[in-house]
């Protein structure tokens, strides 16, 4: 904490690293295979479409992978490569630590289930609908707001929760 703010990185767990490396290896292998085979002239569009889908998957994943979680006396910010997700503190009703068990029965409705992290929209009976930006399922934080729920992870979850709860009391 410095200058009345906190900023902590998202650390990738071994499982996120493994899923990302294996998936990228399969994508690269598939792309090289598609490029190496002889395509009929009337099917070249399919070849380029498949390569485009592979590239878009990688680019979108990299762009939405969370990098840093920060907070000050006004907002919580999830920083990504080219964008940020901002949660105004005025809308936050509760911040607490949760366990991997709390999200174990979740259904992914949109996003990534391990490639570059657990990102996107999920739902389960315990938490309802929530947005998740997590790269380590052992360090989860639940942020409840007036309209949404967020599940985040970071390298120092207890310190982050303590800081945000202190800001909420002021």
C-alpha atoms as a PDB file:
ATOM      1  CA  UNK A   1       0.000   0.000   0.000  1.00  0.00           C
ATOM      2  CA  UNK A   2       1.230   3.435  -0.879  1.00  0.00           C
ATOM      3  CA  UNK A   3      -0.406   6.782  -1.505  1.00  0.00           C
ATOM      4  CA  UNK A   4      -3.724   5.465  -0.175  1.00  0.00           C
ATOM      5  CA  UNK A   5      -3.986   2.691  -2.737  1.00  0.00           C
ATOM      6  CA  UNK A   6      -3.099  -0.972  -3.140  1.00  0.00           C
ATOM      7  CA  UNK A   7      -1.941  -2.784  -6.246  1.00  0.00           C
ATOM      8  CA  UNK A   8      -1.255  -6.517  -6.413  1.00  0.00           C
ATOM      9  CA  UNK A   9      -0.456  -8.775  -9.374  1.00  0.00           C
ATOM     10  CA  UNK A  10      -2.435 -11.729 -10.617  1.00  0.00           C
ATOM     11  CA  UNK A  11      -0.228 -14.804 -10.231  1.00  0.00           C
ATOM     12  CA  UNK A  12      -0.876 -17.768 -12.489  1.00  0.00           C
ATOM     13  CA  UNK A  13      -1.322 -21.124 -10.781  1.00  0.00           C
ATOM     14  CA  UNK A  14       0.375 -24.240 -12.138  1.00  0.00           C
ATOM     15  CA  UNK A  15      -2.952 -25.454 -13.559  1.00  0.00           C
ATOM     16  CA  UNK A  16      -3.531 -22.219 -15.518  1.00  0.00           C
ATOM     17  CA  UNK A  17       0.030 -22.421 -16.868  1.00  0.00           C
ATOM     18  CA  UNK A  18      -0.505 -26.068 -17.849  1.00  0.00           C
ATOM     19  CA  UNK A  19      -3.885 -25.458 -19.523  1.00  0.00           C
ATOM     20  CA  UNK A  20      -2.530 -22.443 -21.400  1.00  0.00           C
ATOM     21  CA  UNK A  21       0.670 -24.161 -22.585  1.00  0.00           C
ATOM     22  CA  UNK A  22      -1.082 -27.371 -23.655  1.00  0.00           C
ATOM     23  CA  UNK A  23      -3.889 -25.467 -25.423  1.00  0.00           C
ATOM     24  CA  UNK A  24      -1.457 -23.180 -27.222  1.00  0.00           C
ATOM     25  CA  UNK A  25       0.608 -26.228 -28.280  1.00  0.00           C
ATOM     26  CA  UNK A  26      -2.531 -27.838 -29.745  1.00  0.00           C
ATOM     27  CA  UNK A  27      -3.495 -24.591 -31.493  1.00  0.00           C
ATOM     28  CA  UNK A  28       0.014 -24.216 -32.935  1.00  0.00           C
ATOM     29  CA  UNK A  29       0.071 -27.859 -33.998  1.00  0.00           C
ATOM     30  CA  UNK A  30      -3.332 -27.518 -35.618  1.00  0.00           C
ATOM     31  CA  UNK A  31      -2.280 -24.338 -37.411  1.00  0.00           C
ATOM     32  CA  UNK A  32       0.921 -25.945 -38.745  1.00  0.00           C
ATOM     33  CA  UNK A  33      -1.035 -28.992 -39.883  1.00  0.00           C
ATOM     34  CA  UNK A  34      -3.628 -26.839 -41.663  1.00  0.00           C
ATOM     35  CA  UNK A  35      -0.862 -24.874 -43.371  1.00  0.00           C
ATOM     36  CA  UNK A  36       1.023 -28.017 -44.412  1.00  0.00           C
ATOM     37  CA  UNK A  37      -1.751 -29.916 -46.180  1.00  0.00           C
ATOM     38  CA  UNK A  38      -2.702 -29.347 -49.802  1.00  0.00           C
ATOM     39  CA  UNK A  39      -6.127 -27.715 -49.970  1.00  0.00           C
ATOM     40  CA  UNK A  40      -8.357 -27.752 -53.034  1.00  0.00           C
ATOM     41  CA  UNK A  41      -8.683 -24.280 -54.533  1.00  0.00           C
ATOM     42  CA  UNK A  42     -12.384 -24.053 -53.717  1.00  0.00           C
ATOM     43  CA  UNK A  43     -11.679 -24.846 -50.026  1.00  0.00           C
ATOM     44  CA  UNK A  44      -8.908 -22.273 -49.374  1.00  0.00           C
ATOM     45  CA  UNK A  45     -11.425 -20.046 -47.593  1.00  0.00           C
ATOM     46  CA  UNK A  46     -11.803 -22.764 -44.942  1.00  0.00           C
ATOM     47  CA  UNK A  47      -8.033 -22.933 -44.429  1.00  0.00           C
ATOM     48  CA  UNK A  48      -7.811 -19.173 -43.845  1.00  0.00           C
ATOM     49  CA  UNK A  49     -10.917 -19.162 -41.674  1.00  0.00           C
ATOM     50  CA  UNK A  50      -9.429 -21.831 -39.399  1.00  0.00           C
ATOM     51  CA  UNK A  51      -6.130 -19.946 -39.094  1.00  0.00           C
ATOM     52  CA  UNK A  52      -8.054 -16.734 -38.320  1.00  0.00           C
ATOM     53  CA  UNK A  53     -10.047 -18.505 -35.574  1.00  0.00           C
ATOM     54  CA  UNK A  54      -6.800 -19.788 -34.011  1.00  0.00           C
ATOM     55  CA  UNK A  55      -5.216 -16.320 -34.085  1.00  0.00           C
ATOM     56  CA  UNK A  56      -8.323 -14.580 -32.743  1.00  0.00           C
ATOM     57  CA  UNK A  57      -8.541 -17.096 -29.877  1.00  0.00           C
ATOM     58  CA  UNK A  58      -4.968 -16.330 -28.839  1.00  0.00           C
ATOM     59  CA  UNK A  59      -5.242 -12.551 -29.246  1.00  0.00           C
ATOM     60  CA  UNK A  60      -8.546 -12.278 -27.351  1.00  0.00           C
ATOM     61  CA  UNK A  61      -7.217 -14.519 -24.572  1.00  0.00           C
ATOM     62  CA  UNK A  62      -4.100 -12.416 -24.143  1.00  0.00           C
ATOM     63  CA  UNK A  63      -6.096  -9.165 -24.193  1.00  0.00           C
ATOM     64  CA  UNK A  64      -8.545 -10.309 -21.494  1.00  0.00           C
ATOM     65  CA  UNK A  65      -6.063 -12.027 -19.176  1.00  0.00           C
ATOM     66  CA  UNK A  66      -5.954 -10.017 -15.936  1.00  0.00           C
ATOM     67  CA  UNK A  67      -2.590  -8.537 -15.012  1.00  0.00           C
ATOM     68  CA  UNK A  68      -3.082  -6.430 -11.891  1.00  0.00           C
ATOM     69  CA  UNK A  69      -5.740  -5.813  -9.249  1.00  0.00           C
ATOM     70  CA  UNK A  70      -5.746  -2.392  -7.640  1.00  0.00           C
ATOM     71  CA  UNK A  71      -7.928  -0.273  -5.434  1.00  0.00           C
ATOM     72  CA  UNK A  72      -8.037   3.227  -4.033  1.00  0.00           C
ATOM     73  CA  UNK A  73     -10.625   5.155  -2.042  1.00  0.00           C
ATOM     74  CA  UNK A  74     -12.964   5.358  -5.076  1.00  0.00           C
ATOM     75  CA  UNK A  75     -12.741   2.141  -7.086  1.00  0.00           C
ATOM     76  CA  UNK A  76     -11.432  -1.373  -7.612  1.00  0.00           C
ATOM     77  CA  UNK A  77      -9.721  -1.909 -10.953  1.00  0.00           C
ATOM     78  CA  UNK A  78      -8.921  -5.139 -12.772  1.00  0.00           C
ATOM     79  CA  UNK A  79      -6.198  -4.247 -15.271  1.00  0.00           C
ATOM     80  CA  UNK A  80      -5.838  -6.199 -18.482  1.00  0.00           C
ATOM     81  CA  UNK A  81      -3.466  -5.671 -21.399  1.00  0.00           C
ATOM     82  CA  UNK A  82      -5.537  -3.073 -23.275  1.00  0.00           C
ATOM     83  CA  UNK A  83      -8.475  -2.423 -20.970  1.00  0.00           C
ATOM     84  CA  UNK A  84      -9.640  -2.316 -17.384  1.00  0.00           C
ATOM     85  CA  UNK A  85     -12.735  -3.393 -15.497  1.00  0.00           C
ATOM     86  CA  UNK A  86     -13.693  -0.745 -12.926  1.00  0.00           C
ATOM     87  CA  UNK A  87     -15.891  -1.462  -9.906  1.00  0.00           C
ATOM     88  CA  UNK A  88     -16.888   1.742  -8.051  1.00  0.00           C
ATOM     89  CA  UNK A  89     -16.479   1.355  -4.274  1.00  0.00           C
ATOM     90  CA  UNK A  90     -19.785   3.180  -3.832  1.00  0.00           C
ATOM     91  CA  UNK A  91     -21.504   0.091  -5.327  1.00  0.00           C
ATOM     92  CA  UNK A  92     -19.583  -2.507  -3.287  1.00  0.00           C
ATOM     93  CA  UNK A  93     -21.625  -4.094  -0.500  1.00  0.00           C
ATOM     94  CA  UNK A  94     -19.264  -6.857   0.615  1.00  0.00           C
ATOM     95  CA  UNK A  95     -15.718  -8.138   0.046  1.00  0.00           C
ATOM     96  CA  UNK A  96     -14.557 -11.442   1.461  1.00  0.00           C
ATOM     97  CA  UNK A  97     -12.390 -14.449   0.787  1.00  0.00           C
ATOM     98  CA  UNK A  98     -13.968 -17.575  -0.701  1.00  0.00           C
ATOM     99  CA  UNK A  99     -12.611 -21.032  -1.389  1.00  0.00           C
ATOM    100  CA  UNK A 100     -12.305 -23.051  -4.550  1.00  0.00           C
ATOM    101  CA  UNK A 101     -15.168 -25.185  -3.221  1.00  0.00           C
ATOM    102  CA  UNK A 102     -17.512 -22.169  -3.463  1.00  0.00           C
ATOM    103  CA  UNK A 103     -17.124 -22.091  -7.250  1.00  0.00           C
ATOM    104  CA  UNK A 104     -16.694 -25.822  -7.884  1.00  0.00           C
ATOM    105  CA  UNK A 105     -20.244 -26.331  -9.179  1.00  0.00           C
ATOM    106  CA  UNK A 106     -20.144 -23.261 -11.438  1.00  0.00           C
ATOM    107  CA  UNK A 107     -21.333 -23.322 -15.004  1.00  0.00           C
ATOM    108  CA  UNK A 108     -19.420 -21.199 -17.478  1.00  0.00           C
ATOM    109  CA  UNK A 109     -21.870 -19.192 -19.583  1.00  0.00           C
ATOM    110  CA  UNK A 110     -19.252 -17.214 -21.520  1.00  0.00           C
ATOM    111  CA  UNK A 111     -15.492 -16.971 -21.378  1.00  0.00           C
ATOM    112  CA  UNK A 112     -12.438 -19.093 -20.713  1.00  0.00           C
ATOM    113  CA  UNK A 113     -12.237 -22.061 -18.374  1.00  0.00           C
ATOM    114  CA  UNK A 114      -8.470 -22.016 -17.893  1.00  0.00           C
ATOM    115  CA  UNK A 115      -6.849 -20.633 -21.058  1.00  0.00           C
ATOM    116  CA  UNK A 116      -5.103 -17.473 -19.790  1.00  0.00           C
ATOM    117  CA  UNK A 117      -7.124 -17.866 -16.581  1.00  0.00           C
ATOM    118  CA  UNK A 118     -10.734 -18.420 -15.575  1.00  0.00           C
ATOM    119  CA  UNK A 119     -12.344 -15.448 -17.238  1.00  0.00           C
ATOM    120  CA  UNK A 120     -15.882 -14.471 -18.110  1.00  0.00           C
ATOM    121  CA  UNK A 121     -19.413 -15.086 -16.897  1.00  0.00           C
ATOM    122  CA  UNK A 122     -20.246 -17.987 -14.608  1.00  0.00           C
ATOM    123  CA  UNK A 123     -23.139 -19.023 -12.394  1.00  0.00           C
ATOM    124  CA  UNK A 124     -23.851 -21.436  -9.572  1.00  0.00           C
ATOM    125  CA  UNK A 125     -26.460 -21.986  -6.849  1.00  0.00           C
ATOM    126  CA  UNK A 126     -24.359 -20.502  -4.041  1.00  0.00           C
ATOM    127  CA  UNK A 127     -23.110 -17.262  -5.663  1.00  0.00           C
ATOM    128  CA  UNK A 128     -25.659 -16.774  -8.433  1.00  0.00           C
ATOM    129  CA  UNK A 129     -24.324 -15.106 -11.576  1.00  0.00           C
ATOM    130  CA  UNK A 130     -20.824 -13.668 -11.373  1.00  0.00           C
ATOM    131  CA  UNK A 131     -17.966 -12.325 -13.470  1.00  0.00           C
ATOM    132  CA  UNK A 132     -14.688 -14.080 -12.825  1.00  0.00           C
ATOM    133  CA  UNK A 133     -11.149 -12.842 -13.385  1.00  0.00           C
ATOM    134  CA  UNK A 134      -9.050 -15.505 -11.702  1.00  0.00           C
ATOM    135  CA  UNK A 135      -5.648 -16.995 -12.452  1.00  0.00           C
ATOM    136  CA  UNK A 136      -5.239 -18.890  -9.173  1.00  0.00           C
ATOM    137  CA  UNK A 137      -8.262 -20.668  -7.739  1.00  0.00           C
ATOM    138  CA  UNK A 138      -6.603 -20.961  -4.318  1.00  0.00           C
ATOM    139  CA  UNK A 139      -6.616 -17.185  -3.692  1.00  0.00           C
ATOM    140  CA  UNK A 140     -10.172 -16.116  -4.479  1.00  0.00           C
ATOM    141  CA  UNK A 141     -11.948 -12.926  -3.479  1.00  0.00           C
ATOM    142  CA  UNK A 142     -15.698 -12.357  -3.781  1.00  0.00           C
ATOM    143  CA  UNK A 143     -16.804  -8.776  -4.387  1.00  0.00           C
ATOM    144  CA  UNK A 144     -20.542  -8.231  -4.127  1.00  0.00           C
ATOM    145  CA  UNK A 145     -21.986  -5.035  -5.547  1.00  0.00           C
ATOM    146  CA  UNK A 146     -25.495  -3.699  -5.806  1.00  0.00           C
ATOM    147  CA  UNK A 147     -25.946  -5.240  -9.275  1.00  0.00           C
ATOM    148  CA  UNK A 148     -23.151  -7.789  -9.816  1.00  0.00           C
ATOM    149  CA  UNK A 149     -20.863 -10.307  -8.177  1.00  0.00           C
ATOM    150  CA  UNK A 150     -17.179 -10.616  -9.038  1.00  0.00           C
ATOM    151  CA  UNK A 151     -14.785 -13.433  -8.241  1.00  0.00           C
ATOM    152  CA  UNK A 152     -11.167 -12.321  -8.496  1.00  0.00           C
ATOM    153  CA  UNK A 153      -7.803 -13.711  -7.514  1.00  0.00           C
ATOM    154  CA  UNK A 154      -4.576 -11.970  -6.637  1.00  0.00           C
ATOM    155  CA  UNK A 155      -1.230 -12.670  -5.023  1.00  0.00           C
ATOM    156  CA  UNK A 156      -2.120 -11.130  -1.633  1.00  0.00           C
ATOM    157  CA  UNK A 157      -5.880 -11.581  -1.173  1.00  0.00           C
ATOM    158  CA  UNK A 158      -6.015 -10.983   2.598  1.00  0.00           C
ATOM    159  CA  UNK A 159      -4.149  -7.689   2.321  1.00  0.00           C
ATOM    160  CA  UNK A 160      -6.376  -6.590  -0.565  1.00  0.00           C
ATOM    161  CA  UNK A 161      -9.583  -7.487   1.309  1.00  0.00           C
ATOM    162  CA  UNK A 162      -8.378  -5.692   4.434  1.00  0.00           C
ATOM    163  CA  UNK A 163      -7.607  -2.545   2.442  1.00  0.00           C
ATOM    164  CA  UNK A 164     -10.966  -2.510   0.598  1.00  0.00           C
ATOM    165  CA  UNK A 165     -12.962  -3.186   3.772  1.00  0.00           C
ATOM    166  CA  UNK A 166     -11.100  -0.338   5.504  1.00  0.00           C
ATOM    167  CA  UNK A 167     -12.053   1.971   2.611  1.00  0.00           C
ATOM    168  CA  UNK A 168     -15.687   0.848   2.795  1.00  0.00           C
ATOM    169  CA  UNK A 169     -15.915   1.771   6.496  1.00  0.00           C
ATOM    170  CA  UNK A 170     -14.788   5.335   5.874  1.00  0.00           C
END
